[in-house]
């Protein structure tokens, strides 16, 4: 099992039932938690319900072209998208990538290569400050992006999935100001980009939980508010 991938949540949207079953089996054998769908509609429902860490997407779906799925996901989030498609033309790859896909594999492909692409996309999503296992540290605060685990001073911090996403955006931009709009678009989607009270409520909850778990007091002042603009993580 590859290090640091246990619990990473993937969504596979593929209409070929046999291929889908084979890929799910391979992904789960390497420690991933996988939801699956056979149509664009079911895939979008599953994505909205679970907000996976990565989307593996076929383009030739029976009810809608997968390009439409890319467009709708990109309106809401920066979730990494790996295309798995039988379309071999360069223009197909370019169109998918231009619409917001992160990588493209042409069928037939090897499972080993697919797994390598998945690991690379998850590492990239964790941000440039992540270690090879997908962990991001700021002082004694550590986020394990793949496993959705947060610790401070070695103590586990229990966050809701949405709180984790808020903290992940801030930590992966440590030292840099994250505006309210950018934070809201990354976590809630573009429709909520003006709802700054959402960010205030969630950041307050995160601060409280970090302080409760931290015996050293280092959580105090970790998340700095820039009034009317946004938040930043204060680097030690």
Protein backbone atom coordinates (compact mmCIF):
# COMPACT_ATOMS: atom_id res chain seq x y z
CA UNK A 1 0.00 0.00 0.00
CA UNK A 2 1.37 3.43 -0.90
CA UNK A 3 2.08 5.73 2.02
CA UNK A 4 -0.24 8.57 2.83
CA UNK A 5 -3.21 7.57 0.65
CA UNK A 6 -5.36 5.72 3.16
CA UNK A 7 -8.81 7.26 3.24
CA UNK A 8 -8.41 9.60 0.26
CA UNK A 9 -11.88 9.84 -1.27
CA UNK A 10 -12.20 9.26 -5.01
CA UNK A 11 -15.18 9.35 -7.34
CA UNK A 12 -15.05 7.22 -10.50
CA UNK A 13 -17.56 8.07 -13.25
CA UNK A 14 -17.36 5.37 -15.95
CA UNK A 15 -20.19 3.74 -17.89
CA UNK A 16 -18.39 0.46 -18.69
CA UNK A 17 -19.45 -1.68 -15.72
CA UNK A 18 -16.64 -4.23 -16.11
CA UNK A 19 -13.93 -1.59 -16.38
CA UNK A 20 -15.47 0.34 -13.51
CA UNK A 21 -15.43 -2.72 -11.24
CA UNK A 22 -11.82 -3.46 -12.15
CA UNK A 23 -10.67 0.10 -11.46
CA UNK A 24 -12.57 0.29 -8.18
CA UNK A 25 -10.92 -2.96 -7.08
CA UNK A 26 -7.44 -1.65 -7.95
CA UNK A 27 -7.98 1.71 -6.28
CA UNK A 28 -9.40 0.22 -3.10
CA UNK A 29 -6.52 -2.26 -2.95
CA UNK A 30 -4.20 0.75 -2.74
CA UNK A 31 -6.01 2.33 0.17
CA UNK A 32 -8.47 4.67 -1.54
CA UNK A 33 -12.13 5.05 -0.64
CA UNK A 34 -14.04 4.96 -3.93
CA UNK A 35 -17.57 5.95 -4.90
CA UNK A 36 -18.70 5.04 -8.40
CA UNK A 37 -21.26 6.14 -10.96
CA UNK A 38 -22.17 5.07 -14.48
CA UNK A 39 -23.74 8.27 -15.80
CA UNK A 40 -23.01 11.98 -15.76
CA UNK A 41 -26.14 12.65 -13.73
CA UNK A 42 -25.31 10.09 -11.05
CA UNK A 43 -21.72 11.28 -11.01
CA UNK A 44 -22.71 14.90 -10.38
CA UNK A 45 -25.09 13.83 -7.61
CA UNK A 46 -22.33 11.78 -5.97
CA UNK A 47 -19.83 14.62 -6.35
CA UNK A 48 -22.15 17.18 -4.77
CA UNK A 49 -23.02 14.83 -1.91
CA UNK A 50 -19.47 13.78 -1.06
CA UNK A 51 -17.06 16.39 -2.47
CA UNK A 52 -14.34 13.80 -3.21
CA UNK A 53 -10.62 14.53 -3.13
CA UNK A 54 -10.29 13.52 -6.79
CA UNK A 55 -12.60 12.77 -9.72
CA UNK A 56 -11.78 10.11 -12.34
CA UNK A 57 -14.01 10.83 -15.32
CA UNK A 58 -14.86 9.10 -18.59
CA UNK A 59 -15.91 11.46 -21.38
CA UNK A 60 -18.14 9.06 -23.33
CA UNK A 61 -21.02 8.80 -20.88
CA UNK A 62 -24.46 7.59 -22.02
CA UNK A 63 -26.53 10.58 -20.89
CA UNK A 64 -24.14 13.50 -21.37
CA UNK A 65 -20.65 14.24 -22.59
CA UNK A 66 -18.16 14.23 -19.73
CA UNK A 67 -17.04 17.71 -20.78
CA UNK A 68 -20.27 19.01 -19.26
CA UNK A 69 -19.33 17.37 -15.97
CA UNK A 70 -15.97 19.17 -16.00
CA UNK A 71 -17.69 22.51 -16.58
CA UNK A 72 -20.15 22.03 -13.72
CA UNK A 73 -17.54 20.79 -11.26
CA UNK A 74 -15.24 23.69 -12.11
CA UNK A 75 -18.02 26.19 -11.36
CA UNK A 76 -17.99 24.95 -7.78
CA UNK A 77 -14.54 23.69 -6.82
CA UNK A 78 -10.93 22.99 -7.70
CA UNK A 79 -11.30 19.22 -7.19
CA UNK A 80 -8.58 17.47 -9.25
CA UNK A 81 -10.02 15.78 -12.36
CA UNK A 82 -8.30 12.88 -14.14
CA UNK A 83 -9.86 12.06 -17.52
CA UNK A 84 -10.01 8.38 -18.57
CA UNK A 85 -11.12 8.37 -22.18
CA UNK A 86 -11.05 6.36 -25.39
CA UNK A 87 -10.83 9.58 -27.40
CA UNK A 88 -7.37 9.67 -28.97
CA UNK A 89 -7.44 12.98 -30.84
CA UNK A 90 -5.24 15.78 -29.54
CA UNK A 91 -8.12 18.23 -29.81
CA UNK A 92 -10.15 16.11 -27.36
CA UNK A 93 -7.35 16.19 -24.79
CA UNK A 94 -6.80 19.92 -25.27
CA UNK A 95 -10.52 20.69 -24.92
CA UNK A 96 -10.84 18.69 -21.69
CA UNK A 97 -7.72 20.30 -20.22
CA UNK A 98 -8.80 23.80 -21.30
CA UNK A 99 -12.14 23.30 -19.55
CA UNK A 100 -10.37 22.49 -16.30
CA UNK A 101 -9.33 18.83 -16.26
CA UNK A 102 -5.94 18.30 -14.59
CA UNK A 103 -4.68 15.22 -16.45
CA UNK A 104 -5.71 12.87 -19.26
CA UNK A 105 -5.20 9.14 -19.78
CA UNK A 106 -6.16 7.50 -23.06
CA UNK A 107 -7.73 4.03 -22.98
CA UNK A 108 -6.42 1.41 -22.83
CA UNK A 109 -4.05 2.39 -20.03
CA UNK A 110 -2.09 0.54 -17.39
CA UNK A 111 -3.35 0.51 -13.82
CA UNK A 112 0.16 1.35 -12.56
CA UNK A 113 0.23 4.53 -14.62
CA UNK A 114 -3.26 5.49 -13.49
CA UNK A 115 -2.28 5.05 -9.84
CA UNK A 116 0.82 7.19 -10.39
CA UNK A 117 -1.30 9.95 -11.93
CA UNK A 118 -3.75 9.77 -9.01
CA UNK A 119 -0.93 10.09 -6.46
CA UNK A 120 0.57 13.02 -8.34
CA UNK A 121 -2.75 14.89 -8.49
CA UNK A 122 -3.43 14.33 -4.80
CA UNK A 123 0.05 15.63 -3.92
CA UNK A 124 -0.48 18.68 -6.13
CA UNK A 125 -3.86 19.37 -4.53
CA UNK A 126 -2.21 19.34 -1.12
CA UNK A 127 -0.11 22.31 -2.17
CA UNK A 128 3.57 23.00 -2.73
CA UNK A 129 4.34 22.77 0.99
CA UNK A 130 3.16 19.16 1.28
CA UNK A 131 5.61 16.35 1.92
CA UNK A 132 5.66 13.28 -0.39
CA UNK A 133 2.95 11.62 1.73
CA UNK A 134 0.59 14.57 1.34
CA UNK A 135 1.04 16.09 4.81
CA UNK A 136 1.26 19.85 5.28
CA UNK A 137 2.79 21.31 8.44
CA UNK A 138 2.82 24.84 9.81
CA UNK A 139 4.66 24.84 13.12
CA UNK A 140 3.10 22.07 15.19
CA UNK A 141 -0.11 22.04 13.14
CA UNK A 142 -0.18 19.12 10.68
CA UNK A 143 -2.82 18.34 8.05
CA UNK A 144 -2.78 14.90 6.48
CA UNK A 145 -4.61 15.80 3.28
CA UNK A 146 -5.24 12.25 2.09
CA UNK A 147 -6.54 10.90 5.41
CA UNK A 148 -8.40 14.09 6.44
CA UNK A 149 -6.62 14.10 9.80
CA UNK A 150 -5.57 17.25 11.70
CA UNK A 151 -3.22 17.31 14.67
CA UNK A 152 -1.72 20.13 16.69
CA UNK A 153 1.16 19.39 19.00
CA UNK A 154 0.45 15.72 18.31
CA UNK A 155 -3.16 15.95 19.56
CA UNK A 156 -5.98 15.02 17.19
CA UNK A 157 -8.38 17.83 16.25
CA UNK A 158 -11.86 16.67 15.27
CA UNK A 159 -13.10 18.84 12.40
CA UNK A 160 -16.17 18.47 10.22
CA UNK A 161 -15.48 17.88 6.49
CA UNK A 162 -16.30 21.52 5.71
CA UNK A 163 -14.09 22.82 8.52
CA UNK A 164 -11.28 20.64 7.21
CA UNK A 165 -11.65 22.11 3.72
CA UNK A 166 -11.53 25.66 5.10
CA UNK A 167 -8.38 24.91 7.11
CA UNK A 168 -6.80 23.12 4.14
CA UNK A 169 -7.20 26.17 1.91
CA UNK A 170 -5.64 28.41 4.56
CA UNK A 171 -2.77 26.07 5.45
CA UNK A 172 -1.81 25.33 1.85
CA UNK A 173 -1.48 29.10 1.39
CA UNK A 174 0.36 29.64 4.69
CA UNK A 175 1.82 33.11 4.99
CA UNK A 176 -0.37 34.42 2.18
CA UNK A 177 -3.65 36.28 2.46
CA UNK A 178 -6.68 34.26 1.33
CA UNK A 179 -9.54 36.60 0.54
CA UNK A 180 -13.07 35.85 1.68
CA UNK A 181 -14.13 35.38 -1.94
CA UNK A 182 -11.33 32.96 -2.75
CA UNK A 183 -11.98 30.92 0.39
CA UNK A 184 -15.72 30.79 -0.25
CA UNK A 185 -15.33 29.80 -3.90
CA UNK A 186 -12.86 27.04 -3.01
CA UNK A 187 -15.02 25.50 -0.28
CA UNK A 188 -18.64 26.41 -1.05
CA UNK A 189 -18.56 27.28 -4.74
CA UNK A 190 -18.89 30.47 -6.77
CA UNK A 191 -22.53 30.97 -5.80
CA UNK A 192 -21.39 31.76 -2.24
CA UNK A 193 -18.52 34.13 -3.06
CA UNK A 194 -20.24 37.08 -1.36
CA UNK A 195 -21.34 35.22 1.78
CA UNK A 196 -18.44 36.30 3.99
CA UNK A 197 -20.32 35.37 7.19
CA UNK A 198 -19.90 31.70 6.23
CA UNK A 199 -16.13 32.10 6.41
CA UNK A 200 -16.33 33.98 9.72
CA UNK A 201 -18.45 31.29 11.38
CA UNK A 202 -16.29 28.39 10.20
CA UNK A 203 -12.98 30.07 11.01
CA UNK A 204 -14.29 30.83 14.51
CA UNK A 205 -15.21 27.16 14.97
CA UNK A 206 -11.80 26.01 13.73
CA UNK A 207 -9.99 28.42 16.06
CA UNK A 208 -11.99 27.16 19.02
CA UNK A 209 -11.26 23.50 18.24
CA UNK A 210 -7.57 24.11 17.65
CA UNK A 211 -7.26 26.00 20.95
CA UNK A 212 -9.11 23.27 22.84
CA UNK A 213 -6.76 20.57 21.52
CA UNK A 214 -3.52 22.53 21.84
CA UNK A 215 -1.76 22.26 25.19
CA UNK A 216 1.10 24.56 24.16
CA UNK A 217 -0.93 27.66 23.35
CA UNK A 218 0.55 27.91 19.87
CA UNK A 219 -2.90 27.87 18.27
CA UNK A 220 -3.47 31.38 19.58
CA UNK A 221 -2.83 33.79 16.74
CA UNK A 222 -2.34 31.02 14.18
CA UNK A 223 -5.23 32.18 11.97
CA UNK A 224 -4.96 35.93 11.48
CA UNK A 225 -7.93 37.95 10.24
CA UNK A 226 -7.43 40.85 7.85
CA UNK A 227 -10.67 42.79 8.55
CA UNK A 228 -12.90 43.07 5.54
CA UNK A 229 -10.45 41.17 3.34
CA UNK A 230 -9.80 37.60 4.49
CA UNK A 231 -7.52 35.37 6.56
CA UNK A 232 -3.99 34.09 6.58
CA UNK A 233 -2.05 31.47 8.48
CA UNK A 234 0.78 33.06 10.44
CA UNK A 235 3.97 31.15 9.74
CA UNK A 236 6.21 30.49 12.78
